[in-house]
PDB file of N, CA and C in Angstrom:
ATOM      1  N   MET A   1      58.876  15.525 -15.643  1.00  0.00           N
ATOM      2  CA  MET A   1      59.319  15.475 -14.273  1.00  0.00           C
ATOM      3  C   MET A   1      58.616  16.531 -13.425  1.00  0.00           C
ATOM      4  N   GLU A   2      58.467  17.741 -14.039  1.00  0.00           N
ATOM      5  CA  GLU A   2      57.812  18.802 -13.288  1.00  0.00           C
ATOM      6  C   GLU A   2      56.362  18.458 -12.989  1.00  0.00           C
ATOM      7  N   MET A   3      55.688  17.782 -13.940  1.00  0.00           N
ATOM      8  CA  MET A   3      54.280  17.410 -13.728  1.00  0.00           C
ATOM      9  C   MET A   3      54.159  16.388 -12.603  1.00  0.00           C
ATOM     10  N   LEU A   4      55.095  15.457 -12.529  1.00  0.00           N
ATOM     11  CA  LEU A   4      55.083  14.467 -11.457  1.00  0.00           C
ATOM     12  C   LEU A   4      55.308  15.140 -10.108  1.00  0.00           C
ATOM     13  N   LEU A   5      56.239  16.070 -10.074  1.00  0.00           N
ATOM     14  CA  LEU A   5      56.504  16.810  -8.843  1.00  0.00           C
ATOM     15  C   LEU A   5      55.295  17.647  -8.436  1.00  0.00           C
ATOM     16  N   MET A   6      54.643  18.286  -9.409  1.00  0.00           N
ATOM     17  CA  MET A   6      53.452  19.086  -9.120  1.00  0.00           C
ATOM     18  C   MET A   6      52.328  18.198  -8.597  1.00  0.00           C
ATOM     19  N   GLY A   7      52.161  17.028  -9.167  1.00  0.00           N
ATOM     20  CA  GLY A   7      51.141  16.095  -8.683  1.00  0.00           C
ATOM     21  C   GLY A   7      51.415  15.650  -7.261  1.00  0.00           C
ATOM     22  N   ALA A   8      52.674  15.376  -6.938  1.00  0.00           N
ATOM     23  CA  ALA A   8      53.033  14.963  -5.579  1.00  0.00           C
ATOM     24  C   ALA A   8      52.791  16.085  -4.581  1.00  0.00           C
ATOM     25  N   VAL A   9      53.136  17.330  -4.972  1.00  0.00           N
ATOM     26  CA  VAL A   9      52.929  18.484  -4.081  1.00  0.00           C
ATOM     27  C   VAL A   9      51.434  18.708  -3.849  1.00  0.00           C
ATOM     28  N   LEU A  10      50.622  18.609  -4.890  1.00  0.00           N
ATOM     29  CA  LEU A  10      49.179  18.778  -4.735  1.00  0.00           C
ATOM     30  C   LEU A  10      48.578  17.665  -3.882  1.00  0.00           C
ATOM     31  N   ALA A  11      49.090  16.453  -4.025  1.00  0.00           N
ATOM     32  CA  ALA A  11      48.593  15.353  -3.207  1.00  0.00           C
ATOM     33  C   ALA A  11      48.918  15.583  -1.736  1.00  0.00           C
ATOM     34  N   MET A  12      50.134  16.046  -1.455  1.00  0.00           N
ATOM     35  CA  MET A  12      50.518  16.332  -0.062  1.00  0.00           C
ATOM     36  C   MET A  12      49.703  17.502   0.497  1.00  0.00           C
ATOM     37  N   PHE A  13      49.447  18.520  -0.330  1.00  0.00           N
ATOM     38  CA  PHE A  13      48.616  19.638   0.108  1.00  0.00           C
ATOM     39  C   PHE A  13      47.197  19.167   0.427  1.00  0.00           C
ATOM     40  N   GLY A  14      46.636  18.311  -0.415  1.00  0.00           N
ATOM     41  CA  GLY A  14      45.304  17.761  -0.160  1.00  0.00           C
ATOM     42  C   GLY A  14      45.269  16.932   1.109  1.00  0.00           C
ATOM     43  N   LEU A  15      46.326  16.160   1.357  1.00  0.00           N
ATOM     44  CA  LEU A  15      46.411  15.365   2.580  1.00  0.00           C
ATOM     45  C   LEU A  15      46.487  16.264   3.807  1.00  0.00           C
ATOM     46  N   ALA A  16      47.243  17.353   3.719  1.00  0.00           N
ATOM     47  CA  ALA A  16      47.359  18.278   4.846  1.00  0.00           C
ATOM     48  C   ALA A  16      46.019  18.949   5.138  1.00  0.00           C
ATOM     49  N   VAL A  17      45.303  19.364   4.106  1.00  0.00           N
ATOM     50  CA  VAL A  17      43.986  19.987   4.303  1.00  0.00           C
ATOM     51  C   VAL A  17      43.015  18.992   4.903  1.00  0.00           C
ATOM     52  N   SER A  18      43.061  17.756   4.465  1.00  0.00           N
ATOM     53  CA  SER A  18      42.182  16.726   5.010  1.00  0.00           C
ATOM     54  C   SER A  18      42.493  16.457   6.475  1.00  0.00           C
ATOM     55  N   CYS A  19      43.774  16.421   6.818  1.00  0.00           N
ATOM     56  CA  CYS A  19      44.156  16.203   8.218  1.00  0.00           C
ATOM     57  C   CYS A  19      43.698  17.352   9.101  1.00  0.00           C
ATOM     58  N   LEU A  20      43.828  18.572   8.626  1.00  0.00           N
ATOM     59  CA  LEU A  20      43.369  19.726   9.397  1.00  0.00           C
ATOM     60  C   LEU A  20      41.850  19.696   9.593  1.00  0.00           C
ATOM     61  N   ALA A  21      41.131  19.366   8.552  1.00  0.00           N
ATOM     62  CA  ALA A  21      39.675  19.307   8.661  1.00  0.00           C
ATOM     63  C   ALA A  21      39.241  18.198   9.608  1.00  0.00           C
ATOM     64  N   PHE A  22      39.916  17.051   9.539  1.00  0.00           N
ATOM     65  CA  PHE A  22      39.586  15.945  10.434  1.00  0.00           C
ATOM     66  C   PHE A  22      39.897  16.304  11.879  1.00  0.00           C
ATOM     67  N   GLY A  23      41.040  16.952  12.103  1.00  0.00           N
ATOM     68  CA  GLY A  23      41.407  17.362  13.452  1.00  0.00           C
ATOM     69  C   GLY A  23      40.426  18.370  14.025  1.00  0.00           C
ATOM     70  N   ALA A  24      39.959  19.299  13.188  1.00  0.00           N
ATOM     71  CA  ALA A  24      39.004  20.299  13.665  1.00  0.00           C
ATOM     72  C   ALA A  24      37.649  19.660  13.966  1.00  0.00           C
ATOM     73  N   ALA A  25      37.283  18.649  13.218  1.00  0.00           N
ATOM     74  CA  ALA A  25      35.987  18.018  13.426  1.00  0.00           C
ATOM     75  C   ALA A  25      35.967  17.125  14.653  1.00  0.00           C
ATOM     76  N   THR A  26      37.110  16.558  15.028  1.00  0.00           N
ATOM     77  CA  THR A  26      37.133  15.624  16.155  1.00  0.00           C
ATOM     78  C   THR A  26      37.656  16.245  17.438  1.00  0.00           C
ATOM     79  N   ARG A  27      38.015  17.518  17.417  1.00  0.00           N
ATOM     80  CA  ARG A  27      38.534  18.168  18.611  1.00  0.00           C
ATOM     81  C   ARG A  27      37.408  18.356  19.621  1.00  0.00           C
ATOM     82  N   GLU A  28      37.702  18.092  20.881  1.00  0.00           N
ATOM     83  CA  GLU A  28      36.710  18.241  21.935  1.00  0.00           C
ATOM     84  C   GLU A  28      36.730  19.661  22.461  1.00  0.00           C
ATOM     85  N   GLU A  29      35.595  20.069  23.026  1.00  0.00           N
ATOM     86  CA  GLU A  29      35.484  21.391  23.640  1.00  0.00           C
ATOM     87  C   GLU A  29      36.259  21.376  24.952  1.00  0.00           C
ATOM     88  N   PRO A  30      36.776  22.512  25.388  1.00  0.00           N
ATOM     89  CA  PRO A  30      37.443  22.554  26.698  1.00  0.00           C
ATOM     90  C   PRO A  30      36.457  22.210  27.820  1.00  0.00           C
ATOM     91  N   ALA A  31      36.971  21.630  28.898  1.00  0.00           N
ATOM     92  CA  ALA A  31      36.113  21.175  29.993  1.00  0.00           C
ATOM     93  C   ALA A  31      35.412  22.332  30.694  1.00  0.00           C
ATOM     94  N   ALA A  32      36.000  23.532  30.698  1.00  0.00           N
ATOM     95  CA  ALA A  32      35.395  24.675  31.385  1.00  0.00           C
ATOM     96  C   ALA A  32      34.117  25.130  30.699  1.00  0.00           C
ATOM     97  N   ARG A  33      33.990  24.920  29.402  1.00  0.00           N
ATOM     98  CA  ARG A  33      32.823  25.381  28.669  1.00  0.00           C
ATOM     99  C   ARG A  33      31.663  24.403  28.744  1.00  0.00           C
ATOM    100  N   LYS A  34      31.941  23.158  29.076  1.00  0.00           N
ATOM    101  CA  LYS A  34      30.882  22.155  29.096  1.00  0.00           C
ATOM    102  C   LYS A  34      29.981  22.354  30.302  1.00  0.00           C
ATOM    103  N   GLU A  35      28.689  22.249  30.046  1.00  0.00           N
ATOM    104  CA  GLU A  35      27.721  22.321  31.124  1.00  0.00           C
ATOM    105  C   GLU A  35      27.119  20.937  31.306  1.00  0.00           C
ATOM    106  N   PRO A  36      26.792  20.587  32.533  1.00  0.00           N
ATOM    107  CA  PRO A  36      26.197  19.269  32.734  1.00  0.00           C
ATOM    108  C   PRO A  36      24.832  19.183  32.051  1.00  0.00           C
ATOM    109  N   VAL A  37      24.620  18.069  31.420  1.00  0.00           N
ATOM    110  CA  VAL A  37      23.372  17.851  30.701  1.00  0.00           C
ATOM    111  C   VAL A  37      22.394  17.168  31.638  1.00  0.00           C
ATOM    112  N   LYS A  38      21.218  17.760  31.771  1.00  0.00           N
ATOM    113  CA  LYS A  38      20.196  17.187  32.634  1.00  0.00           C
ATOM    114  C   LYS A  38      19.204  16.423  31.780  1.00  0.00           C
ATOM    115  N   ALA A  39      18.891  15.218  32.205  1.00  0.00           N
ATOM    116  CA  ALA A  39      17.904  14.411  31.503  1.00  0.00           C
ATOM    117  C   ALA A  39      16.511  14.849  31.941  1.00  0.00           C
ATOM    118  N   VAL A  40      15.680  15.145  30.992  1.00  0.00           N
ATOM    119  CA  VAL A  40      14.330  15.588  31.286  1.00  0.00           C
ATOM    120  C   VAL A  40      13.388  14.438  30.965  1.00  0.00           C
ATOM    121  N   ALA A  41      12.644  14.006  31.965  1.00  0.00           N
ATOM    122  CA  ALA A  41      11.676  12.928  31.762  1.00  0.00           C
ATOM    123  C   ALA A  41      10.353  13.541  31.344  1.00  0.00           C
ATOM    124  N   VAL A  42      10.029  13.427  30.072  1.00  0.00           N
ATOM    125  CA  VAL A  42       8.783  14.000  29.562  1.00  0.00           C
ATOM    126  C   VAL A  42       7.607  13.124  29.946  1.00  0.00           C
ATOM    127  N   ASN A  43       7.788  11.846  29.774  1.00  0.00           N
ATOM    128  CA  ASN A  43       6.705  10.913  30.062  1.00  0.00           C
ATOM    129  C   ASN A  43       7.301   9.773  30.877  1.00  0.00           C
ATOM    130  N   ALA A  44       6.673   9.428  31.961  1.00  0.00           N
ATOM    131  CA  ALA A  44       7.220   8.404  32.841  1.00  0.00           C
ATOM    132  C   ALA A  44       7.025   6.995  32.277  1.00  0.00           C
ATOM    133  N   ARG A  45       6.118   6.840  31.317  1.00  0.00           N
ATOM    134  CA  ARG A  45       5.881   5.510  30.756  1.00  0.00           C
ATOM    135  C   ARG A  45       6.950   5.165  29.729  1.00  0.00           C
ATOM    136  N   PHE A  46       7.306   3.881  29.687  1.00  0.00           N
ATOM    137  CA  PHE A  46       8.341   3.449  28.747  1.00  0.00           C
ATOM    138  C   PHE A  46       7.754   3.267  27.355  1.00  0.00           C
ATOM    139  N   PHE A  47       6.594   2.614  27.268  1.00  0.00           N
ATOM    140  CA  PHE A  47       5.971   2.343  25.978  1.00  0.00           C
ATOM    141  C   PHE A  47       4.974   3.440  25.646  1.00  0.00           C
ATOM    142  N   ALA A  48       4.941   3.815  24.391  1.00  0.00           N
ATOM    143  CA  ALA A  48       4.004   4.852  23.950  1.00  0.00           C
ATOM    144  C   ALA A  48       2.629   4.233  23.722  1.00  0.00           C
ATOM    145  N   ASP A  49       1.654   5.094  23.484  1.00  0.00           N
ATOM    146  CA  ASP A  49       0.309   4.623  23.182  1.00  0.00           C
ATOM    147  C   ASP A  49       0.322   3.865  21.861  1.00  0.00           C
ATOM    148  N   ALA A  50      -0.653   2.982  21.715  1.00  0.00           N
ATOM    149  CA  ALA A  50      -0.761   2.217  20.469  1.00  0.00           C
ATOM    150  C   ALA A  50      -1.100   3.175  19.332  1.00  0.00           C
ATOM    151  N   PRO A  51      -0.454   3.030  18.176  1.00  0.00           N
ATOM    152  CA  PRO A  51      -0.745   3.940  17.068  1.00  0.00           C
ATOM    153  C   PRO A  51      -2.147   3.697  16.532  1.00  0.00           C
ATOM    154  N   ALA A  52      -2.763   4.746  16.052  1.00  0.00           N
ATOM    155  CA  ALA A  52      -4.099   4.626  15.475  1.00  0.00           C
ATOM    156  C   ALA A  52      -4.008   3.889  14.149  1.00  0.00           C
ATOM    157  N   LEU A  53      -4.909   2.953  13.925  1.00  0.00           N
ATOM    158  CA  LEU A  53      -4.906   2.187  12.687  1.00  0.00           C
ATOM    159  C   LEU A  53      -5.438   3.043  11.552  1.00  0.00           C
ATOM    160  N   PRO A  54      -4.859   2.940  10.370  1.00  0.00           N
ATOM    161  CA  PRO A  54      -5.395   3.684   9.238  1.00  0.00           C
ATOM    162  C   PRO A  54      -6.768   3.144   8.838  1.00  0.00           C
ATOM    163  N   VAL A  55      -7.468   3.925   8.042  1.00  0.00           N
ATOM    164  CA  VAL A  55      -8.826   3.562   7.647  1.00  0.00           C
ATOM    165  C   VAL A  55      -8.821   2.256   6.867  1.00  0.00           C
ATOM    166  N   ALA A  56      -7.811   2.037   6.035  1.00  0.00           N
ATOM    167  CA  ALA A  56      -7.759   0.820   5.217  1.00  0.00           C
ATOM    168  C   ALA A  56      -7.641  -0.420   6.093  1.00  0.00           C
ATOM    169  N   ALA A  57      -6.954  -0.318   7.232  1.00  0.00           N
ATOM    170  CA  ALA A  57      -6.809  -1.478   8.105  1.00  0.00           C
ATOM    171  C   ALA A  57      -8.092  -1.748   8.875  1.00  0.00           C
ATOM    172  N   ARG A  58      -8.876  -0.714   9.137  1.00  0.00           N
ATOM    173  CA  ARG A  58     -10.131  -0.915   9.872  1.00  0.00           C
ATOM    174  C   ARG A  58     -11.217  -1.500   8.989  1.00  0.00           C
ATOM    175  N   ASN A  59     -11.249  -1.120   7.723  1.00  0.00           N
ATOM    176  CA  ASN A  59     -12.259  -1.634   6.801  1.00  0.00           C
ATOM    177  C   ASN A  59     -11.690  -2.837   6.076  1.00  0.00           C
ATOM    178  N   ARG A  60     -11.919  -4.005   6.611  1.00  0.00           N
ATOM    179  CA  ARG A  60     -11.367  -5.229   6.023  1.00  0.00           C
ATOM    180  C   ARG A  60     -12.251  -5.701   4.869  1.00  0.00           C
ATOM    181  N   VAL A  61     -11.594  -6.136   3.790  1.00  0.00           N
ATOM    182  CA  VAL A  61     -12.285  -6.680   2.636  1.00  0.00           C
ATOM    183  C   VAL A  61     -12.191  -8.195   2.730  1.00  0.00           C
ATOM    184  N   PRO A  62     -13.289  -8.895   2.484  1.00  0.00           N
ATOM    185  CA  PRO A  62     -13.228 -10.363   2.547  1.00  0.00           C
ATOM    186  C   PRO A  62     -12.235 -10.923   1.527  1.00  0.00           C
ATOM    187  N   ILE A  63     -11.587 -11.998   1.903  1.00  0.00           N
ATOM    188  CA  ILE A  63     -10.568 -12.603   1.039  1.00  0.00           C
ATOM    189  C   ILE A  63     -11.168 -13.116  -0.266  1.00  0.00           C
ATOM    190  N   GLU A  64     -12.437 -13.524  -0.221  1.00  0.00           N
ATOM    191  CA  GLU A  64     -13.089 -14.024  -1.438  1.00  0.00           C
ATOM    192  C   GLU A  64     -13.204 -12.924  -2.486  1.00  0.00           C
ATOM    193  N   ALA A  65     -13.504 -11.709  -2.040  1.00  0.00           N
ATOM    194  CA  ALA A  65     -13.615 -10.593  -2.981  1.00  0.00           C
ATOM    195  C   ALA A  65     -12.265 -10.294  -3.628  1.00  0.00           C
ATOM    196  N   LEU A  66     -11.216 -10.352  -2.843  1.00  0.00           N
ATOM    197  CA  LEU A  66      -9.885 -10.123  -3.398  1.00  0.00           C
ATOM    198  C   LEU A  66      -9.491 -11.210  -4.389  1.00  0.00           C
ATOM    199  N   LEU A  67      -9.817 -12.460  -4.052  1.00  0.00           N
ATOM    200  CA  LEU A  67      -9.498 -13.565  -4.969  1.00  0.00           C
ATOM    201  C   LEU A  67     -10.277 -13.433  -6.273  1.00  0.00           C
ATOM    202  N   LEU A  68     -11.540 -12.999  -6.208  1.00  0.00           N
ATOM    203  CA  LEU A  68     -12.312 -12.798  -7.437  1.00  0.00           C
ATOM    204  C   LEU A  68     -11.710 -11.695  -8.301  1.00  0.00           C
ATOM    205  N   GLN A  69     -11.240 -10.614  -7.674  1.00  0.00           N
ATOM    206  CA  GLN A  69     -10.604  -9.543  -8.438  1.00  0.00           C
ATOM    207  C   GLN A  69      -9.320 -10.027  -9.106  1.00  0.00           C
ATOM    208  N   ILE A  70      -8.545 -10.828  -8.392  1.00  0.00           N
ATOM    209  CA  ILE A  70      -7.289 -11.343  -8.965  1.00  0.00           C
ATOM    210  C   ILE A  70      -7.584 -12.299 -10.114  1.00  0.00           C
ATOM    211  N   GLU A  71      -8.572 -13.190  -9.941  1.00  0.00           N
ATOM    212  CA  GLU A  71      -8.933 -14.123 -11.017  1.00  0.00           C
ATOM    213  C   GLU A  71      -9.417 -13.372 -12.248  1.00  0.00           C
ATOM    214  N   ASN A  72     -10.231 -12.337 -12.041  1.00  0.00           N
ATOM    215  CA  ASN A  72     -10.717 -11.537 -13.167  1.00  0.00           C
ATOM    216  C   ASN A  72      -9.550 -10.842 -13.865  1.00  0.00           C
ATOM    217  N   HIS A  73      -8.606 -10.314 -13.110  1.00  0.00           N
ATOM    218  CA  HIS A  73      -7.437  -9.660 -13.684  1.00  0.00           C
ATOM    219  C   HIS A  73      -6.606 -10.643 -14.504  1.00  0.00           C
ATOM    220  N   VAL A  74      -6.422 -11.845 -13.983  1.00  0.00           N
ATOM    221  CA  VAL A  74      -5.641 -12.858 -14.704  1.00  0.00           C
ATOM    222  C   VAL A  74      -6.338 -13.234 -16.004  1.00  0.00           C
ATOM    223  N   ARG A  75      -7.669 -13.405 -15.955  1.00  0.00           N
ATOM    224  CA  ARG A  75      -8.407 -13.738 -17.179  1.00  0.00           C
ATOM    225  C   ARG A  75      -8.277 -12.633 -18.218  1.00  0.00           C
ATOM    226  N   LEU A  76      -8.386 -11.375 -17.795  1.00  0.00           N
ATOM    227  CA  LEU A  76      -8.261 -10.265 -18.742  1.00  0.00           C
ATOM    228  C   LEU A  76      -6.848 -10.181 -19.323  1.00  0.00           C
ATOM    229  N   GLU A  77      -5.837 -10.422 -18.512  1.00  0.00           N
ATOM    230  CA  GLU A  77      -4.461 -10.390 -19.018  1.00  0.00           C
ATOM    231  C   GLU A  77      -4.210 -11.537 -19.994  1.00  0.00           C
ATOM    232  N   GLN A  78      -4.762 -12.715 -19.700  1.00  0.00           N
ATOM    233  CA  GLN A  78      -4.601 -13.838 -20.629  1.00  0.00           C
ATOM    234  C   GLN A  78      -5.306 -13.561 -21.950  1.00  0.00           C
ATOM    235  N   ALA A  79      -6.483 -12.938 -21.881  1.00  0.00           N
ATOM    236  CA  ALA A  79      -7.200 -12.604 -23.114  1.00  0.00           C
ATOM    237  C   ALA A  79      -6.414 -11.568 -23.919  1.00  0.00           C
ATOM    238  N   ALA A  80      -5.819 -10.611 -23.242  1.00  0.00           N
ATOM    239  CA  ALA A  80      -5.013  -9.613 -23.945  1.00  0.00           C
ATOM    240  C   ALA A  80      -3.781 -10.260 -24.582  1.00  0.00           C
ATOM    241  N   ALA A  81      -3.172 -11.223 -23.903  1.00  0.00           N
ATOM    242  CA  ALA A  81      -2.006 -11.911 -24.466  1.00  0.00           C
ATOM    243  C   ALA A  81      -2.394 -12.737 -25.677  1.00  0.00           C
ATOM    244  N   GLU A  82      -3.535 -13.431 -25.609  1.00  0.00           N
ATOM    245  CA  GLU A  82      -3.986 -14.219 -26.765  1.00  0.00           C
ATOM    246  C   GLU A  82      -4.291 -13.319 -27.948  1.00  0.00           C
ATOM    247  N   CYS A  83      -4.897 -12.163 -27.684  1.00  0.00           N
ATOM    248  CA  CYS A  83      -5.200 -11.209 -28.755  1.00  0.00           C
ATOM    249  C   CYS A  83      -3.916 -10.708 -29.393  1.00  0.00           C
ATOM    250  N   PHE A  84      -2.899 -10.460 -28.570  1.00  0.00           N
ATOM    251  CA  PHE A  84      -1.624  -9.999 -29.114  1.00  0.00           C
ATOM    252  C   PHE A  84      -0.953 -11.091 -29.936  1.00  0.00           C
ATOM    253  N   LEU A  85      -1.051 -12.340 -29.487  1.00  0.00           N
ATOM    254  CA  LEU A  85      -0.410 -13.425 -30.234  1.00  0.00           C
ATOM    255  C   LEU A  85      -1.106 -13.681 -31.567  1.00  0.00           C
ATOM    256  N   GLN A  86      -2.411 -13.404 -31.637  1.00  0.00           N
ATOM    257  CA  GLN A  86      -3.125 -13.604 -32.899  1.00  0.00           C
ATOM    258  C   GLN A  86      -2.703 -12.569 -33.940  1.00  0.00           C
ATOM    259  N   SER A  87      -2.575 -11.316 -33.523  1.00  0.00           N
ATOM    260  CA  SER A  87      -2.138 -10.264 -34.454  1.00  0.00           C
ATOM    261  C   SER A  87      -1.223  -9.296 -33.711  1.00  0.00           C
ATOM    262  N   PRO A  88       0.071  -9.607 -33.662  1.00  0.00           N
ATOM    263  CA  PRO A  88       0.998  -8.760 -32.898  1.00  0.00           C
ATOM    264  C   PRO A  88       1.260  -7.420 -33.582  1.00  0.00           C
ATOM    265  N   ASN A  89       1.072  -6.358 -32.824  1.00  0.00           N
ATOM    266  CA  ASN A  89       1.469  -5.016 -33.268  1.00  0.00           C
ATOM    267  C   ASN A  89       1.776  -4.173 -32.034  1.00  0.00           C
ATOM    268  N   SER A  90       2.411  -3.049 -32.252  1.00  0.00           N
ATOM    269  CA  SER A  90       2.881  -2.244 -31.129  1.00  0.00           C
ATOM    270  C   SER A  90       1.740  -1.565 -30.373  1.00  0.00           C
ATOM    271  N   THR A  91       0.624  -1.286 -31.029  1.00  0.00           N
ATOM    272  CA  THR A  91      -0.488  -0.632 -30.317  1.00  0.00           C
ATOM    273  C   THR A  91      -1.113  -1.577 -29.305  1.00  0.00           C
ATOM    274  N   LEU A  92      -1.219  -2.856 -29.634  1.00  0.00           N
ATOM    275  CA  LEU A  92      -1.749  -3.822 -28.662  1.00  0.00           C
ATOM    276  C   LEU A  92      -0.767  -4.054 -27.522  1.00  0.00           C
ATOM    277  N   LEU A  93       0.507  -3.985 -27.833  1.00  0.00           N
ATOM    278  CA  LEU A  93       1.518  -4.241 -26.813  1.00  0.00           C
ATOM    279  C   LEU A  93       1.542  -3.134 -25.764  1.00  0.00           C
ATOM    280  N   HIS A  94       1.334  -1.893 -26.164  1.00  0.00           N
ATOM    281  CA  HIS A  94       1.447  -0.768 -25.242  1.00  0.00           C
ATOM    282  C   HIS A  94       0.101  -0.220 -24.774  1.00  0.00           C
ATOM    283  N   SER A  95      -1.005  -0.859 -25.115  1.00  0.00           N
ATOM    284  CA  SER A  95      -2.302  -0.353 -24.694  1.00  0.00           C
ATOM    285  C   SER A  95      -2.640  -0.861 -23.291  1.00  0.00           C
ATOM    286  N   ARG A  96      -3.501  -0.106 -22.626  1.00  0.00           N
ATOM    287  CA  ARG A  96      -3.929  -0.501 -21.274  1.00  0.00           C
ATOM    288  C   ARG A  96      -5.019  -1.553 -21.372  1.00  0.00           C
ATOM    289  N   THR A  97      -5.098  -2.395 -20.353  1.00  0.00           N
ATOM    290  CA  THR A  97      -6.156  -3.380 -20.284  1.00  0.00           C
ATOM    291  C   THR A  97      -7.353  -2.768 -19.562  1.00  0.00           C
ATOM    292  N   ILE A  98      -8.474  -3.466 -19.565  1.00  0.00           N
ATOM    293  CA  ILE A  98      -9.663  -2.950 -18.889  1.00  0.00           C
ATOM    294  C   ILE A  98      -9.730  -3.439 -17.456  1.00  0.00           C
ATOM    295  N   SER A  99      -8.663  -4.046 -16.981  1.00  0.00           N
ATOM    296  CA  SER A  99      -8.618  -4.540 -15.612  1.00  0.00           C
ATOM    297  C   SER A  99      -8.573  -3.376 -14.630  1.00  0.00           C
ATOM    298  N   THR A 100      -9.232  -3.553 -13.487  1.00  0.00           N
ATOM    299  CA  THR A 100      -9.234  -2.514 -12.466  1.00  0.00           C
ATOM    300  C   THR A 100      -7.922  -2.498 -11.687  1.00  0.00           C
ATOM    301  N   LEU A 101      -7.192  -3.589 -11.708  1.00  0.00           N
ATOM    302  CA  LEU A 101      -5.905  -3.642 -11.018  1.00  0.00           C
ATOM    303  C   LEU A 101      -4.853  -2.992 -11.892  1.00  0.00           C
ATOM    304  N   VAL A 102      -4.035  -2.147 -11.300  1.00  0.00           N
ATOM    305  CA  VAL A 102      -2.987  -1.462 -12.052  1.00  0.00           C
ATOM    306  C   VAL A 102      -1.787  -2.372 -12.110  1.00  0.00           C
ATOM    307  N   ASN A 103      -1.242  -2.547 -13.318  1.00  0.00           N
ATOM    308  CA  ASN A 103      -0.052  -3.385 -13.452  1.00  0.00           C
ATOM    309  C   ASN A 103       1.113  -2.607 -13.943  1.00  0.00           C
TER     310      ASN A 103
END
């Protein structure tokens, strides 16, 4: 019985502390201390300048080159899978391929 009573008292104490903290956080400052806030217009334009493009976006790679790299990567991965199926072991499973694309 004493443990139940102690739990109830601690719960009420926690609720009281939470209410005090919430009240302190949401209390407004007195009106005499508030100063009017002036809006400062730094730039009269609404839209900012266009962002500078990164180097990768300026140097475009032809789509054919990308497709050739992907096809080569797929061929190398298929060859690695066939090699693993012929003689499965843990070293082949966890070894890196010679593909330039990181997987």
